[in-house]
């Protein structure tokens, strides 16, 4: 996948597709998943189009850290005091279906291990 590949997430960033946005800053956007796998299921995406974690580069280190801190903030705002899980799916075997890097915040119930 190349960085110029159009995805549903790039359309959400440009507001061409509606989303239930819960957080936004210059680097990231967070919105509720339309197919939630837990009572709270929020996606955090970078505005920079990185297709997958395996394509992130050294120069993306600050952005990747920002995404994790954004996940922490969004989870706190969502009231996930009892814990939550942050997941990044990468490629087909990892369960990735949209090729725009994204973090899943899952919570609101006890989560089993292993995850699947």
N, C-alpha and C. Protein backbone atom coordinates (compact mmCIF):
# COMPACT_ATOMS: atom_id res chain seq x y z
N UNK A 1 0.84 -1.19 0.00
CA UNK A 1 0.00 0.00 0.00
C UNK A 1 0.88 1.24 0.00
N UNK A 2 0.49 2.22 -0.73
CA UNK A 2 1.26 3.47 -0.74
C UNK A 2 0.55 4.52 0.11
N UNK A 3 1.30 5.55 0.46
CA UNK A 3 0.73 6.60 1.29
C UNK A 3 -0.37 7.38 0.59
N UNK A 4 -0.46 7.28 -0.73
CA UNK A 4 -1.47 8.04 -1.46
C UNK A 4 -2.76 7.24 -1.64
N UNK A 5 -2.83 6.03 -1.13
CA UNK A 5 -4.02 5.21 -1.26
C UNK A 5 -5.18 5.86 -0.51
N UNK A 6 -6.30 6.00 -1.19
CA UNK A 6 -7.50 6.59 -0.60
C UNK A 6 -8.19 5.56 0.29
N UNK A 7 -8.58 5.98 1.50
CA UNK A 7 -9.30 5.09 2.41
C UNK A 7 -10.51 5.82 2.98
N UNK A 8 -11.35 5.06 3.63
CA UNK A 8 -12.49 5.66 4.32
C UNK A 8 -12.01 6.64 5.40
N UNK A 9 -10.85 6.36 6.02
CA UNK A 9 -10.34 7.25 7.06
C UNK A 9 -9.88 8.58 6.49
N UNK A 10 -9.28 8.58 5.30
CA UNK A 10 -8.89 9.86 4.71
C UNK A 10 -10.13 10.69 4.37
N UNK A 11 -11.21 10.02 4.00
CA UNK A 11 -12.47 10.74 3.73
C UNK A 11 -13.08 11.29 5.02
N UNK A 12 -12.92 10.56 6.13
CA UNK A 12 -13.39 11.07 7.43
C UNK A 12 -12.57 12.28 7.84
N UNK A 13 -11.25 12.22 7.66
CA UNK A 13 -10.40 13.37 7.99
C UNK A 13 -10.84 14.61 7.22
N UNK A 14 -11.18 14.44 5.94
CA UNK A 14 -11.62 15.57 5.09
C UNK A 14 -13.10 15.91 5.28
N UNK A 15 -13.78 15.18 6.16
CA UNK A 15 -15.20 15.40 6.46
C UNK A 15 -16.10 15.09 5.26
N UNK A 16 -15.65 14.19 4.40
CA UNK A 16 -16.47 13.75 3.27
C UNK A 16 -17.42 12.64 3.69
N UNK A 17 -17.10 11.97 4.78
CA UNK A 17 -17.93 10.92 5.37
C UNK A 17 -18.14 11.30 6.83
N UNK A 18 -19.37 11.25 7.32
CA UNK A 18 -19.59 11.61 8.73
C UNK A 18 -19.02 10.57 9.68
N UNK A 19 -18.61 11.03 10.84
CA UNK A 19 -18.12 10.15 11.90
C UNK A 19 -18.45 10.81 13.23
N UNK A 20 -18.57 10.00 14.26
CA UNK A 20 -18.82 10.51 15.61
C UNK A 20 -17.46 10.82 16.24
N UNK A 21 -16.96 12.01 15.94
CA UNK A 21 -15.62 12.43 16.37
C UNK A 21 -15.65 12.81 17.84
N UNK A 22 -14.72 12.24 18.60
CA UNK A 22 -14.64 12.53 20.03
C UNK A 22 -13.40 13.34 20.40
N UNK A 23 -12.43 13.43 19.47
CA UNK A 23 -11.21 14.20 19.74
C UNK A 23 -10.54 14.54 18.40
N UNK A 24 -9.94 15.72 18.37
CA UNK A 24 -9.16 16.11 17.19
C UNK A 24 -8.11 17.12 17.59
N UNK A 25 -6.93 16.99 16.99
CA UNK A 25 -5.90 18.01 17.09
C UNK A 25 -5.21 18.09 15.72
N UNK A 26 -4.09 18.77 15.65
CA UNK A 26 -3.41 18.94 14.36
C UNK A 26 -2.88 17.64 13.76
N UNK A 27 -2.61 16.64 14.61
CA UNK A 27 -1.97 15.41 14.16
C UNK A 27 -2.87 14.19 14.12
N UNK A 28 -3.96 14.21 14.90
CA UNK A 28 -4.75 12.99 15.08
C UNK A 28 -6.24 13.29 15.14
N UNK A 29 -7.00 12.24 14.92
CA UNK A 29 -8.46 12.29 14.99
C UNK A 29 -8.91 11.02 15.69
N UNK A 30 -9.90 11.13 16.56
CA UNK A 30 -10.47 9.96 17.24
C UNK A 30 -11.98 9.97 17.06
N UNK A 31 -12.52 8.80 16.75
CA UNK A 31 -13.96 8.70 16.53
C UNK A 31 -14.44 7.31 16.92
N UNK A 32 -15.74 7.22 17.20
CA UNK A 32 -16.34 5.95 17.61
C UNK A 32 -16.41 5.00 16.42
N UNK A 33 -16.07 3.74 16.66
CA UNK A 33 -16.12 2.71 15.62
C UNK A 33 -17.58 2.43 15.28
N UNK A 34 -17.89 2.32 13.99
CA UNK A 34 -19.27 2.06 13.57
C UNK A 34 -19.67 0.61 13.79
N UNK A 35 -18.70 -0.27 14.04
CA UNK A 35 -18.98 -1.68 14.31
C UNK A 35 -18.28 -2.06 15.62
N UNK A 36 -18.78 -1.54 16.76
CA UNK A 36 -18.05 -1.71 18.03
C UNK A 36 -17.94 -3.16 18.48
N UNK A 37 -16.75 -3.49 18.98
CA UNK A 37 -16.48 -4.83 19.51
C UNK A 37 -16.46 -4.85 21.04
N UNK A 38 -16.78 -3.71 21.64
CA UNK A 38 -16.87 -3.57 23.09
C UNK A 38 -17.79 -2.38 23.35
N UNK A 39 -18.28 -2.21 24.58
CA UNK A 39 -19.15 -1.06 24.87
C UNK A 39 -18.51 0.28 24.49
N UNK A 40 -17.19 0.39 24.68
CA UNK A 40 -16.45 1.54 24.19
C UNK A 40 -15.47 1.03 23.15
N UNK A 41 -15.56 1.55 21.94
CA UNK A 41 -14.65 1.18 20.84
C UNK A 41 -14.42 2.44 20.02
N UNK A 42 -13.25 3.03 20.24
CA UNK A 42 -12.89 4.29 19.59
C UNK A 42 -11.62 4.05 18.78
N UNK A 43 -11.58 4.65 17.60
CA UNK A 43 -10.40 4.57 16.74
C UNK A 43 -9.63 5.88 16.83
N UNK A 44 -8.32 5.78 16.91
CA UNK A 44 -7.43 6.94 16.87
C UNK A 44 -6.59 6.80 15.62
N UNK A 45 -6.63 7.82 14.75
CA UNK A 45 -5.89 7.77 13.49
C UNK A 45 -4.99 8.99 13.36
N UNK A 46 -3.85 8.80 12.71
CA UNK A 46 -3.04 9.97 12.39
C UNK A 46 -3.62 10.67 11.16
N UNK A 47 -3.48 11.97 11.09
CA UNK A 47 -3.90 12.67 9.87
C UNK A 47 -2.92 12.41 8.73
N UNK A 48 -1.67 12.09 9.07
CA UNK A 48 -0.69 11.70 8.06
C UNK A 48 -1.06 10.30 7.58
N UNK A 49 -1.15 10.08 6.28
CA UNK A 49 -1.57 8.77 5.77
C UNK A 49 -0.45 7.73 5.79
N UNK A 50 -0.31 7.03 6.91
CA UNK A 50 0.60 5.89 7.01
C UNK A 50 -0.28 4.65 6.86
N UNK A 51 0.01 3.80 5.90
CA UNK A 51 -0.87 2.68 5.60
C UNK A 51 -0.97 1.67 6.74
N UNK A 52 0.18 1.37 7.37
CA UNK A 52 0.18 0.35 8.43
C UNK A 52 1.42 0.55 9.28
N UNK A 53 1.40 -0.02 10.48
CA UNK A 53 2.52 0.13 11.40
C UNK A 53 3.83 -0.32 10.75
N UNK A 54 3.78 -1.37 9.95
CA UNK A 54 4.99 -1.90 9.30
C UNK A 54 5.62 -0.90 8.33
N UNK A 55 4.89 0.14 7.95
CA UNK A 55 5.44 1.16 7.05
C UNK A 55 5.84 2.43 7.77
N UNK A 56 5.66 2.50 9.08
CA UNK A 56 6.09 3.67 9.84
C UNK A 56 7.61 3.75 9.80
N UNK A 57 8.12 4.97 9.77
CA UNK A 57 9.55 5.21 9.66
C UNK A 57 10.07 5.89 10.92
N UNK A 58 11.38 5.96 11.04
CA UNK A 58 12.01 6.61 12.20
C UNK A 58 11.47 8.03 12.38
N UNK A 59 11.27 8.75 11.29
CA UNK A 59 10.78 10.13 11.39
C UNK A 59 9.33 10.20 11.89
N UNK A 60 8.66 9.07 12.00
CA UNK A 60 7.29 9.02 12.53
C UNK A 60 7.26 8.77 14.03
N UNK A 61 8.41 8.68 14.68
CA UNK A 61 8.46 8.33 16.10
C UNK A 61 7.63 9.29 16.96
N UNK A 62 7.76 10.57 16.75
CA UNK A 62 7.00 11.54 17.56
C UNK A 62 5.50 11.39 17.31
N UNK A 63 5.11 11.16 16.07
CA UNK A 63 3.70 10.97 15.74
C UNK A 63 3.16 9.70 16.40
N UNK A 64 3.93 8.62 16.37
CA UNK A 64 3.48 7.38 17.00
C UNK A 64 3.31 7.57 18.50
N UNK A 65 4.23 8.27 19.14
CA UNK A 65 4.08 8.58 20.56
C UNK A 65 2.86 9.43 20.81
N UNK A 66 2.63 10.40 19.94
CA UNK A 66 1.45 11.26 20.07
C UNK A 66 0.16 10.44 19.98
N UNK A 67 0.12 9.45 19.10
CA UNK A 67 -1.07 8.61 18.97
C UNK A 67 -1.34 7.85 20.25
N UNK A 68 -0.29 7.34 20.90
CA UNK A 68 -0.48 6.62 22.17
C UNK A 68 -0.96 7.56 23.27
N UNK A 69 -0.39 8.75 23.34
CA UNK A 69 -0.84 9.72 24.35
C UNK A 69 -2.27 10.19 24.06
N UNK A 70 -2.62 10.28 22.79
CA UNK A 70 -3.99 10.61 22.42
C UNK A 70 -4.93 9.50 22.86
N UNK A 71 -4.53 8.25 22.67
CA UNK A 71 -5.34 7.11 23.12
C UNK A 71 -5.56 7.18 24.63
N UNK A 72 -4.51 7.50 25.38
CA UNK A 72 -4.64 7.65 26.83
C UNK A 72 -5.66 8.73 27.18
N UNK A 73 -5.55 9.88 26.54
CA UNK A 73 -6.47 11.00 26.81
C UNK A 73 -7.91 10.62 26.45
N UNK A 74 -8.10 10.03 25.28
CA UNK A 74 -9.44 9.65 24.83
C UNK A 74 -10.05 8.61 25.76
N UNK A 75 -9.25 7.65 26.21
CA UNK A 75 -9.74 6.62 27.14
C UNK A 75 -10.17 7.26 28.47
N UNK A 76 -9.38 8.22 28.96
CA UNK A 76 -9.76 8.92 30.19
C UNK A 76 -11.07 9.67 29.99
N UNK A 77 -11.19 10.38 28.87
CA UNK A 77 -12.41 11.14 28.57
C UNK A 77 -13.63 10.21 28.43
N UNK A 78 -13.40 8.98 27.97
CA UNK A 78 -14.48 8.01 27.81
C UNK A 78 -14.85 7.33 29.12
N UNK A 79 -14.12 7.65 30.20
CA UNK A 79 -14.45 7.11 31.51
C UNK A 79 -13.98 5.67 31.73
N UNK A 80 -12.91 5.26 31.09
CA UNK A 80 -12.45 3.88 31.20
C UNK A 80 -11.49 3.73 32.39
N UNK A 81 -12.01 4.02 33.60
CA UNK A 81 -11.20 3.98 34.81
C UNK A 81 -10.74 2.57 35.19
N UNK A 82 -11.48 1.55 34.77
CA UNK A 82 -11.14 0.17 35.13
C UNK A 82 -10.20 -0.49 34.14
N UNK A 83 -9.75 0.24 33.14
CA UNK A 83 -8.82 -0.29 32.16
C UNK A 83 -9.39 -0.35 30.77
N UNK A 84 -8.49 -0.58 29.84
CA UNK A 84 -8.86 -0.64 28.43
C UNK A 84 -7.72 -1.31 27.68
N UNK A 85 -7.97 -1.63 26.43
CA UNK A 85 -6.95 -2.24 25.57
C UNK A 85 -6.75 -1.34 24.37
N UNK A 86 -5.48 -1.20 23.94
CA UNK A 86 -5.15 -0.49 22.72
C UNK A 86 -4.57 -1.52 21.76
N UNK A 87 -5.15 -1.60 20.56
CA UNK A 87 -4.76 -2.60 19.57
C UNK A 87 -4.41 -1.91 18.26
N UNK A 88 -3.33 -2.37 17.63
CA UNK A 88 -2.99 -1.96 16.27
C UNK A 88 -2.92 -3.23 15.43
N UNK A 89 -3.84 -3.39 14.50
CA UNK A 89 -3.83 -4.53 13.59
C UNK A 89 -2.94 -4.17 12.39
N UNK A 90 -2.10 -5.11 11.98
CA UNK A 90 -1.20 -4.86 10.87
C UNK A 90 -1.28 -5.99 9.85
N UNK A 91 -1.63 -5.64 8.64
CA UNK A 91 -1.74 -6.56 7.51
C UNK A 91 -2.85 -7.59 7.71
N UNK A 92 -3.05 -8.42 6.70
CA UNK A 92 -4.19 -9.35 6.68
C UNK A 92 -4.18 -10.31 7.86
N UNK A 93 -3.05 -10.94 8.15
CA UNK A 93 -3.01 -11.90 9.25
C UNK A 93 -3.21 -11.22 10.60
N UNK A 94 -2.92 -9.94 10.68
CA UNK A 94 -3.14 -9.18 11.91
C UNK A 94 -4.54 -8.63 12.02
N UNK A 95 -5.36 -8.84 11.00
CA UNK A 95 -6.75 -8.40 11.04
C UNK A 95 -6.98 -6.99 10.52
N UNK A 96 -5.99 -6.39 9.86
CA UNK A 96 -6.18 -5.04 9.34
C UNK A 96 -7.06 -5.06 8.11
N UNK A 97 -8.10 -4.22 8.11
CA UNK A 97 -9.01 -4.15 6.97
C UNK A 97 -8.99 -2.78 6.30
N UNK A 98 -8.61 -1.74 7.03
CA UNK A 98 -8.46 -0.40 6.45
C UNK A 98 -6.97 -0.07 6.50
N UNK A 99 -6.40 0.21 5.34
CA UNK A 99 -4.96 0.46 5.28
C UNK A 99 -4.63 1.94 5.46
N UNK A 100 -4.95 2.39 6.66
CA UNK A 100 -4.56 3.69 7.22
C UNK A 100 -4.33 3.36 8.69
N UNK A 101 -3.09 3.53 9.15
CA UNK A 101 -2.75 3.19 10.53
C UNK A 101 -3.82 3.69 11.49
N UNK A 102 -4.24 2.82 12.41
CA UNK A 102 -5.22 3.23 13.41
C UNK A 102 -5.08 2.39 14.67
N UNK A 103 -5.38 3.01 15.79
CA UNK A 103 -5.37 2.36 17.09
C UNK A 103 -6.80 2.15 17.52
N UNK A 104 -7.11 0.95 17.98
CA UNK A 104 -8.42 0.66 18.55
C UNK A 104 -8.31 0.81 20.06
N UNK A 105 -9.19 1.60 20.66
CA UNK A 105 -9.33 1.65 22.12
C UNK A 105 -10.59 0.85 22.44
N UNK A 106 -10.43 -0.22 23.21
CA UNK A 106 -11.54 -1.10 23.56
C UNK A 106 -11.69 -1.12 25.07
N UNK A 107 -12.90 -0.97 25.56
CA UNK A 107 -13.12 -1.01 27.00
C UNK A 107 -14.59 -1.01 27.34
N UNK A 108 -14.85 -0.85 28.62
CA UNK A 108 -16.22 -0.85 29.10
C UNK A 108 -16.71 -2.20 29.56
N UNK A 109 -15.85 -3.21 29.47
CA UNK A 109 -16.15 -4.57 29.95
C UNK A 109 -14.81 -5.28 30.13
N UNK A 110 -14.77 -6.38 30.92
CA UNK A 110 -13.54 -7.15 30.99
C UNK A 110 -13.19 -7.75 29.62
N UNK A 111 -11.94 -7.67 29.24
CA UNK A 111 -11.50 -8.18 27.95
C UNK A 111 -10.67 -9.47 28.15
N UNK A 112 -11.00 -10.49 27.39
CA UNK A 112 -10.35 -11.79 27.54
C UNK A 112 -8.95 -11.79 26.93
N UNK A 113 -8.13 -12.74 27.35
CA UNK A 113 -6.82 -12.96 26.78
C UNK A 113 -6.63 -14.45 26.56
N UNK A 114 -6.11 -14.94 25.47
CA UNK A 114 -5.64 -14.15 24.34
C UNK A 114 -6.81 -13.53 23.57
N UNK A 115 -6.52 -12.46 22.82
CA UNK A 115 -7.60 -11.70 22.20
C UNK A 115 -8.29 -12.40 21.03
N UNK A 116 -7.69 -13.39 20.41
CA UNK A 116 -8.39 -14.03 19.31
C UNK A 116 -7.53 -14.84 18.52
